[in-house]
N, C-alpha and C. Protein backbone atom coordinates (compact mmCIF):
# COMPACT_ATOMS: atom_id res chain seq x y z
N MET A 1 90.80 138.62 104.71
CA MET A 1 91.21 138.85 103.33
C MET A 1 92.52 138.11 103.09
N PRO A 2 92.65 137.39 102.00
CA PRO A 2 93.86 136.63 101.73
C PRO A 2 95.06 137.55 101.54
N ASP A 3 96.20 137.05 101.89
CA ASP A 3 97.46 137.77 101.71
C ASP A 3 97.71 137.95 100.22
N LYS A 4 97.94 139.19 99.79
CA LYS A 4 98.13 139.46 98.37
C LYS A 4 99.60 139.51 97.98
N GLU A 5 100.48 138.97 98.83
CA GLU A 5 101.91 138.94 98.50
C GLU A 5 102.11 138.06 97.28
N PRO A 6 102.81 138.56 96.26
CA PRO A 6 103.00 137.75 95.05
C PRO A 6 103.87 136.53 95.32
N TYR A 7 103.65 135.51 94.50
CA TYR A 7 104.52 134.34 94.60
C TYR A 7 105.92 134.75 94.20
N ARG A 8 106.90 134.40 95.03
CA ARG A 8 108.27 134.86 94.80
C ARG A 8 108.95 134.13 93.66
N ASN A 9 108.65 132.88 93.49
CA ASN A 9 109.29 132.14 92.40
C ASN A 9 108.50 130.87 92.08
N ARG A 10 108.91 130.23 91.03
CA ARG A 10 108.22 129.04 90.53
C ARG A 10 108.25 127.90 91.56
N ILE A 11 109.37 127.72 92.24
CA ILE A 11 109.48 126.64 93.22
C ILE A 11 108.48 126.84 94.34
N GLU A 12 108.35 128.05 94.84
CA GLU A 12 107.40 128.32 95.91
C GLU A 12 105.98 128.01 95.45
N LEU A 13 105.65 128.38 94.24
CA LEU A 13 104.31 128.12 93.71
C LEU A 13 104.07 126.62 93.59
N LEU A 14 105.02 125.89 93.01
CA LEU A 14 104.84 124.44 92.83
C LEU A 14 104.81 123.71 94.17
N GLN A 15 105.72 124.10 95.07
CA GLN A 15 105.76 123.45 96.38
C GLN A 15 104.48 123.74 97.15
N GLY A 16 104.02 124.98 97.10
CA GLY A 16 102.79 125.35 97.79
C GLY A 16 101.59 124.62 97.23
N THR A 17 101.59 124.41 95.92
CA THR A 17 100.49 123.69 95.28
C THR A 17 100.48 122.23 95.71
N LEU A 18 101.63 121.59 95.73
CA LEU A 18 101.71 120.20 96.18
C LEU A 18 101.28 120.10 97.64
N ASP A 19 101.76 121.02 98.48
CA ASP A 19 101.37 121.01 99.89
C ASP A 19 99.85 121.09 100.02
N MET A 20 99.25 122.00 99.27
CA MET A 20 97.80 122.18 99.32
C MET A 20 97.07 120.91 98.88
N LEU A 21 97.56 120.26 97.82
CA LEU A 21 96.93 119.04 97.35
C LEU A 21 97.01 117.93 98.40
N ILE A 22 98.15 117.83 99.06
CA ILE A 22 98.32 116.82 100.12
C ILE A 22 97.38 117.12 101.28
N LEU A 23 97.40 118.36 101.75
CA LEU A 23 96.54 118.73 102.88
C LEU A 23 95.07 118.50 102.54
N ASN A 24 94.69 118.88 101.33
CA ASN A 24 93.30 118.70 100.90
C ASN A 24 92.93 117.21 100.87
N THR A 25 93.82 116.39 100.38
CA THR A 25 93.56 114.94 100.31
C THR A 25 93.35 114.35 101.70
N LEU A 26 94.06 114.87 102.68
CA LEU A 26 93.99 114.31 104.03
C LEU A 26 92.84 114.86 104.86
N GLN A 27 92.10 115.83 104.33
CA GLN A 27 90.99 116.37 105.12
C GLN A 27 89.88 115.34 105.33
N TRP A 28 89.86 114.27 104.54
CA TRP A 28 88.83 113.24 104.68
C TRP A 28 89.31 112.02 105.44
N GLY A 29 90.52 112.08 105.99
CA GLY A 29 91.00 110.98 106.80
C GLY A 29 92.43 110.62 106.51
N ALA A 30 93.02 109.85 107.41
CA ALA A 30 94.43 109.47 107.32
C ALA A 30 94.67 108.55 106.13
N ARG A 31 95.85 108.70 105.54
CA ARG A 31 96.27 107.85 104.42
C ARG A 31 97.78 107.67 104.50
N HIS A 32 98.24 106.58 103.90
CA HIS A 32 99.68 106.40 103.75
C HIS A 32 100.11 107.11 102.46
N GLY A 33 101.42 107.27 102.29
CA GLY A 33 101.94 108.03 101.16
C GLY A 33 101.43 107.56 99.81
N HIS A 34 101.46 106.26 99.59
CA HIS A 34 101.00 105.73 98.30
C HIS A 34 99.52 106.05 98.09
N GLY A 35 98.73 105.96 99.16
CA GLY A 35 97.31 106.28 99.08
C GLY A 35 97.06 107.75 98.76
N ILE A 36 97.91 108.63 99.29
CA ILE A 36 97.81 110.06 98.99
C ILE A 36 98.07 110.28 97.50
N ALA A 37 99.15 109.68 97.00
CA ALA A 37 99.49 109.83 95.58
C ALA A 37 98.38 109.29 94.69
N GLN A 38 97.82 108.15 95.05
CA GLN A 38 96.72 107.55 94.27
C GLN A 38 95.50 108.47 94.26
N ALA A 39 95.17 109.06 95.41
CA ALA A 39 94.00 109.93 95.49
C ALA A 39 94.19 111.18 94.64
N ILE A 40 95.38 111.77 94.68
CA ILE A 40 95.65 112.95 93.86
C ILE A 40 95.51 112.60 92.39
N ARG A 41 96.09 111.47 92.01
CA ARG A 41 96.01 111.05 90.60
C ARG A 41 94.55 110.81 90.19
N ALA A 42 93.82 110.07 90.99
CA ALA A 42 92.43 109.74 90.66
C ALA A 42 91.55 111.00 90.62
N ASN A 43 91.71 111.87 91.61
CA ASN A 43 90.86 113.06 91.69
C ASN A 43 91.21 114.11 90.65
N SER A 44 92.36 113.98 90.02
CA SER A 44 92.75 114.92 88.95
C SER A 44 92.42 114.36 87.57
N GLY A 45 91.67 113.28 87.53
CA GLY A 45 91.36 112.66 86.25
C GLY A 45 92.60 112.07 85.60
N GLU A 46 93.51 111.58 86.45
CA GLU A 46 94.76 110.94 86.01
C GLU A 46 95.77 111.94 85.41
N LEU A 47 95.53 113.24 85.56
CA LEU A 47 96.43 114.25 84.98
C LEU A 47 97.62 114.56 85.88
N LEU A 48 97.45 114.47 87.19
CA LEU A 48 98.53 114.78 88.12
C LEU A 48 99.07 113.50 88.73
N GLN A 49 100.36 113.30 88.57
CA GLN A 49 101.00 112.14 89.18
C GLN A 49 102.14 112.65 90.04
N VAL A 50 102.02 112.45 91.34
CA VAL A 50 103.04 112.91 92.28
C VAL A 50 104.07 111.80 92.44
N GLU A 51 105.29 112.11 92.07
CA GLU A 51 106.38 111.13 92.17
C GLU A 51 106.85 111.00 93.61
N THR A 52 107.37 109.83 93.95
CA THR A 52 107.88 109.55 95.28
C THR A 52 108.91 110.58 95.73
N GLY A 53 109.77 110.99 94.81
CA GLY A 53 110.82 111.95 95.13
C GLY A 53 110.32 113.33 95.48
N SER A 54 109.07 113.62 95.15
CA SER A 54 108.44 114.89 95.54
C SER A 54 107.50 114.69 96.73
N LEU A 55 106.80 113.57 96.75
CA LEU A 55 105.79 113.33 97.77
C LEU A 55 106.38 113.21 99.17
N TYR A 56 107.35 112.33 99.35
CA TYR A 56 107.84 112.07 100.71
C TYR A 56 108.58 113.26 101.32
N PRO A 57 109.40 113.98 100.57
CA PRO A 57 109.98 115.20 101.17
C PRO A 57 108.89 116.21 101.58
N ALA A 58 107.82 116.30 100.78
CA ALA A 58 106.72 117.20 101.12
C ALA A 58 106.01 116.73 102.40
N LEU A 59 105.75 115.43 102.51
CA LEU A 59 105.10 114.90 103.71
C LEU A 59 105.96 115.17 104.95
N HIS A 60 107.25 114.96 104.85
CA HIS A 60 108.14 115.19 105.99
C HIS A 60 108.19 116.68 106.35
N ARG A 61 108.21 117.54 105.34
CA ARG A 61 108.22 118.99 105.58
C ARG A 61 106.92 119.42 106.27
N LEU A 62 105.79 118.92 105.80
CA LEU A 62 104.50 119.27 106.39
C LEU A 62 104.38 118.76 107.83
N GLU A 63 104.98 117.61 108.07
CA GLU A 63 104.97 117.07 109.43
C GLU A 63 105.84 117.93 110.35
N ARG A 64 107.02 118.35 109.87
CA ARG A 64 107.90 119.22 110.66
C ARG A 64 107.22 120.55 110.98
N GLN A 65 106.39 121.02 110.06
CA GLN A 65 105.69 122.29 110.27
C GLN A 65 104.49 122.14 111.20
N GLY A 66 104.17 120.91 111.57
CA GLY A 66 103.06 120.67 112.48
C GLY A 66 101.71 120.59 111.80
N TRP A 67 101.70 120.54 110.47
CA TRP A 67 100.45 120.48 109.73
C TRP A 67 99.95 119.06 109.55
N LEU A 68 100.85 118.09 109.71
CA LEU A 68 100.50 116.67 109.65
C LEU A 68 101.05 115.97 110.88
N ALA A 69 100.39 114.90 111.26
CA ALA A 69 100.90 113.98 112.28
C ALA A 69 100.90 112.60 111.62
N SER A 70 101.72 111.70 112.14
CA SER A 70 101.79 110.38 111.51
C SER A 70 101.90 109.28 112.55
N GLU A 71 101.55 108.09 112.11
CA GLU A 71 101.74 106.90 112.93
C GLU A 71 101.86 105.68 112.02
N TRP A 72 102.60 104.70 112.51
CA TRP A 72 102.78 103.46 111.75
C TRP A 72 101.60 102.54 112.01
N LYS A 73 101.05 101.97 110.94
CA LYS A 73 99.93 101.02 111.02
C LYS A 73 100.12 99.96 109.95
N LEU A 74 99.27 98.96 109.99
CA LEU A 74 99.24 97.97 108.91
C LEU A 74 98.33 98.48 107.80
N SER A 75 98.81 98.40 106.58
CA SER A 75 98.01 98.86 105.43
C SER A 75 96.98 97.81 105.07
N GLU A 76 96.17 98.14 104.07
CA GLU A 76 95.12 97.22 103.63
C GLU A 76 95.69 95.90 103.09
N ASN A 77 96.95 95.90 102.65
CA ASN A 77 97.57 94.64 102.19
C ASN A 77 98.51 94.07 103.24
N ASN A 78 98.27 94.47 104.51
CA ASN A 78 98.95 93.90 105.67
C ASN A 78 100.45 94.21 105.74
N GLN A 79 100.85 95.35 105.19
CA GLN A 79 102.25 95.80 105.31
C GLN A 79 102.30 97.02 106.21
N ARG A 80 103.44 97.17 106.90
CA ARG A 80 103.60 98.35 107.75
C ARG A 80 103.73 99.59 106.87
N ALA A 81 102.95 100.63 107.20
CA ALA A 81 102.98 101.87 106.44
C ALA A 81 102.78 103.04 107.40
N LYS A 82 103.38 104.16 107.06
CA LYS A 82 103.22 105.36 107.86
C LYS A 82 101.98 106.11 107.35
N TYR A 83 101.01 106.29 108.23
CA TYR A 83 99.78 106.98 107.89
C TYR A 83 99.86 108.42 108.38
N TYR A 84 99.47 109.34 107.51
CA TYR A 84 99.51 110.77 107.81
C TYR A 84 98.09 111.27 108.00
N ARG A 85 97.93 112.20 108.94
CA ARG A 85 96.63 112.82 109.15
C ARG A 85 96.83 114.32 109.33
N LEU A 86 95.79 115.05 109.02
CA LEU A 86 95.79 116.50 109.13
C LEU A 86 95.63 116.90 110.59
N THR A 87 96.41 117.88 111.05
CA THR A 87 96.26 118.42 112.40
C THR A 87 95.36 119.65 112.33
N ALA A 88 95.00 120.18 113.49
CA ALA A 88 94.20 121.42 113.52
C ALA A 88 94.94 122.55 112.83
N SER A 89 96.24 122.62 113.06
CA SER A 89 97.07 123.62 112.41
C SER A 89 97.10 123.40 110.90
N GLY A 90 97.10 122.15 110.48
CA GLY A 90 97.07 121.81 109.06
C GLY A 90 95.77 122.22 108.40
N LYS A 91 94.67 122.11 109.14
CA LYS A 91 93.37 122.54 108.61
C LYS A 91 93.37 124.04 108.36
N LYS A 92 93.96 124.80 109.30
CA LYS A 92 94.06 126.26 109.12
C LYS A 92 94.94 126.59 107.92
N GLN A 93 96.04 125.87 107.79
CA GLN A 93 96.93 126.10 106.65
C GLN A 93 96.24 125.78 105.33
N LEU A 94 95.45 124.72 105.31
CA LEU A 94 94.71 124.37 104.10
C LEU A 94 93.77 125.50 103.69
N LEU A 95 93.05 126.06 104.65
CA LEU A 95 92.14 127.17 104.34
C LEU A 95 92.91 128.37 103.78
N SER A 96 94.06 128.67 104.37
CA SER A 96 94.89 129.77 103.90
C SER A 96 95.40 129.50 102.48
N ALA A 97 95.87 128.29 102.24
CA ALA A 97 96.39 127.92 100.92
C ALA A 97 95.29 127.97 99.87
N GLN A 98 94.09 127.52 100.24
CA GLN A 98 92.97 127.56 99.29
C GLN A 98 92.61 129.01 98.94
N SER A 99 92.65 129.90 99.92
CA SER A 99 92.36 131.31 99.67
C SER A 99 93.38 131.91 98.72
N LYS A 100 94.66 131.60 98.95
CA LYS A 100 95.71 132.10 98.06
C LYS A 100 95.55 131.52 96.66
N TRP A 101 95.19 130.25 96.58
CA TRP A 101 95.00 129.60 95.28
C TRP A 101 93.84 130.27 94.54
N ASP A 102 92.74 130.51 95.24
CA ASP A 102 91.59 131.17 94.61
C ASP A 102 91.96 132.55 94.08
N LEU A 103 92.78 133.28 94.83
CA LEU A 103 93.25 134.59 94.40
C LEU A 103 94.12 134.48 93.16
N LEU A 104 95.01 133.47 93.13
CA LEU A 104 95.88 133.26 91.98
C LEU A 104 95.06 132.89 90.74
N VAL A 105 94.08 132.01 90.89
CA VAL A 105 93.23 131.62 89.77
C VAL A 105 92.47 132.84 89.24
N LYS A 106 91.97 133.67 90.14
CA LYS A 106 91.25 134.88 89.74
C LYS A 106 92.19 135.82 88.97
N ALA A 107 93.43 135.97 89.45
CA ALA A 107 94.39 136.84 88.77
C ALA A 107 94.72 136.32 87.37
N ILE A 108 94.96 135.03 87.25
CA ILE A 108 95.28 134.44 85.94
C ILE A 108 94.07 134.54 85.01
N SER A 109 92.89 134.28 85.54
CA SER A 109 91.68 134.40 84.72
C SER A 109 91.50 135.83 84.21
N GLY A 110 91.84 136.81 85.04
CA GLY A 110 91.75 138.20 84.63
C GLY A 110 92.69 138.53 83.49
N VAL A 111 93.85 137.91 83.48
CA VAL A 111 94.80 138.13 82.39
C VAL A 111 94.33 137.41 81.13
N LEU A 112 93.86 136.19 81.28
CA LEU A 112 93.44 135.42 80.10
C LEU A 112 92.15 135.93 79.50
N ASN A 113 91.26 136.46 80.34
CA ASN A 113 89.95 136.93 79.88
C ASN A 113 89.69 138.34 80.40
N PRO A 114 90.44 139.32 79.91
CA PRO A 114 90.27 140.69 80.41
C PRO A 114 88.89 141.23 80.05
N ALA A 115 88.36 142.07 80.96
CA ALA A 115 87.06 142.71 80.70
C ALA A 115 87.21 143.64 79.50
N ARG A 116 86.22 143.63 78.64
CA ARG A 116 86.30 144.46 77.43
C ARG A 116 85.40 145.65 77.54
């Protein structure tokens, strides 16, 4: 059963949402930072644009937590880029974050569309 602890503040909710989007994007394979941002933008129908100033601190935080691993490789345009991949621990975190997100969506839906 998902943890029903309420979100403590707006920053935690936004940071957790970005973390979940990054982890979700990497479940299909390693990507460099720019590729992660592009995938989020494309998969959101161009509605979500993750700025560099938010993306890279999040990637570094996720790596410190052991949810991502990284290595330097040559990108598709032959430039050195740091590629991030999901770890086993990151996969577990993604499942937890998705459960919490589903609970939050259900709670908000209940407020917006109360049973009559």
